[in-house]
Amino acid sequence: MIAIITTLFIFKIIRDMRFRELESKAAVELVRSTVISKRKEQSKSTSGKFTGFAYFVVFDVRGEQMEMQILSEEQFRELRIGQKGLLQYQRKNRSLLFIHFDKD
């Protein structure tokens, strides 16, 4: 019984390591998209004190809505709802990593 549990545990560790390795090598995707919406959220520390803002943009990519966090306030301000262009992003750690948006 202990051998089975140990084998399953080792299998899970190996599977998780492979998954992380594949994600770290994920290709950067370049697709045509449209900015659908934007939002800004207040960030707070665990003690509840204001620490800044987090910026999010929803893009329409081939009929699918994809929300990504924009790390730069400047990039966030430059994006306009309805704007079309080329979106550069990467799927990483089970999330979407915004890289750049080139407007038409």
Protein backbone atom coordinates (compact mmCIF):
# COMPACT_ATOMS: atom_id res chain seq x y z
CA MET A 1 0.00 0.00 0.00
CA ILE A 2 2.80 2.42 0.89
CA ALA A 3 4.50 1.60 -2.42
CA ILE A 4 1.35 2.52 -4.37
CA ILE A 5 0.93 5.83 -2.54
CA THR A 6 4.62 6.66 -3.00
CA THR A 7 4.42 5.80 -6.73
CA LEU A 8 1.34 8.01 -7.19
CA PHE A 9 2.99 10.85 -5.31
CA ILE A 10 6.14 10.63 -7.46
CA PHE A 11 4.01 10.45 -10.63
CA LYS A 12 2.17 13.63 -9.61
CA ILE A 13 5.43 15.48 -8.94
CA ILE A 14 6.84 14.48 -12.34
CA ARG A 15 3.61 15.45 -14.11
CA ASP A 16 3.56 18.87 -12.41
CA MET A 17 7.21 19.48 -13.32
CA ARG A 18 6.54 18.66 -16.99
CA PHE A 19 3.50 20.95 -17.02
CA ARG A 20 5.50 23.86 -15.59
CA GLU A 21 8.28 23.27 -18.10
CA LEU A 22 5.84 23.30 -21.03
CA GLU A 23 4.17 26.47 -19.75
CA SER A 24 7.50 28.26 -19.38
CA LYS A 25 8.26 27.49 -23.03
CA ALA A 26 4.81 28.52 -24.28
CA ALA A 27 4.89 30.38 -27.56
CA VAL A 28 4.00 34.04 -27.76
CA GLU A 29 0.78 34.40 -29.73
CA LEU A 30 0.03 37.29 -32.10
CA VAL A 31 -3.65 37.68 -33.04
CA ARG A 32 -6.03 40.31 -34.34
CA SER A 33 -8.28 41.54 -31.55
CA THR A 34 -10.57 44.31 -30.36
CA VAL A 35 -10.56 46.03 -26.96
CA ILE A 36 -13.97 45.32 -25.40
CA SER A 37 -13.70 46.76 -21.89
CA LYS A 38 -11.30 48.09 -19.27
CA ARG A 39 -11.35 48.20 -15.50
CA LYS A 40 -9.17 49.40 -12.69
CA GLU A 41 -9.15 47.81 -9.21
CA GLN A 42 -7.66 49.03 -5.98
CA SER A 43 -4.99 46.72 -4.61
CA LYS A 44 -4.78 46.22 -0.86
CA SER A 45 -2.26 44.55 1.39
CA THR A 46 -3.29 41.78 3.76
CA SER A 47 -3.79 44.44 6.44
CA GLY A 48 -6.29 46.23 4.17
CA LYS A 49 -4.13 49.26 3.35
CA PHE A 50 -4.22 50.70 -0.18
CA THR A 51 -1.13 49.68 -2.17
CA GLY A 52 -1.98 50.85 -5.71
CA PHE A 53 -4.09 49.83 -8.67
CA ALA A 54 -4.38 46.76 -10.87
CA TYR A 55 -5.41 47.31 -14.50
CA PHE A 56 -7.41 44.82 -16.59
CA VAL A 57 -8.49 44.81 -20.24
CA VAL A 58 -10.87 42.42 -22.00
CA PHE A 59 -10.01 41.63 -25.63
CA ASP A 60 -12.20 39.92 -28.23
CA VAL A 61 -10.03 37.29 -29.91
CA ARG A 62 -11.86 35.33 -32.65
CA GLY A 63 -15.15 35.63 -30.76
CA GLU A 64 -13.64 34.66 -27.40
CA GLN A 65 -13.35 37.20 -24.60
CA MET A 66 -9.95 37.15 -22.92
CA GLU A 67 -9.21 39.28 -19.84
CA MET A 68 -5.59 40.18 -19.14
CA GLN A 69 -3.91 42.26 -16.50
CA ILE A 70 -1.97 45.22 -17.90
CA LEU A 71 1.05 45.95 -15.73
CA SER A 72 1.69 49.50 -16.95
CA GLU A 73 -0.76 52.32 -16.22
CA GLU A 74 0.55 54.08 -19.35
CA GLN A 75 -0.32 51.11 -21.59
CA PHE A 76 -3.71 50.86 -19.89
CA ARG A 77 -4.48 54.54 -20.60
CA GLU A 78 -3.46 54.19 -24.28
CA LEU A 79 -5.98 51.40 -24.94
CA ARG A 80 -9.42 52.54 -26.05
CA ILE A 81 -12.64 50.53 -26.10
CA GLY A 82 -13.42 49.53 -29.69
CA GLN A 83 -9.78 49.80 -30.76
CA LYS A 84 -8.61 47.07 -33.14
CA GLY A 85 -5.10 45.79 -33.59
CA LEU A 86 -2.60 43.01 -33.06
CA LEU A 87 -2.50 41.55 -29.55
CA GLN A 88 0.65 39.84 -28.37
CA TYR A 89 0.23 37.53 -25.37
CA GLN A 90 1.38 34.27 -23.83
CA ARG A 91 -0.49 31.54 -21.96
CA LYS A 92 1.48 31.08 -18.77
CA ASN A 93 0.77 29.51 -15.38
CA ARG A 94 -2.81 28.80 -16.40
CA SER A 95 -3.36 32.49 -17.11
CA LEU A 96 -2.86 34.96 -19.93
CA LEU A 97 0.17 37.23 -19.89
CA PHE A 98 -0.31 40.50 -21.80
CA ILE A 99 2.80 41.51 -23.75
CA HIS A 100 1.82 44.26 -26.21
CA PHE A 101 -1.00 45.69 -28.34
CA ASP A 102 -0.28 47.35 -31.70
CA LYS A 103 -3.29 49.41 -32.74
CA ASP A 104 -4.34 49.59 -36.40
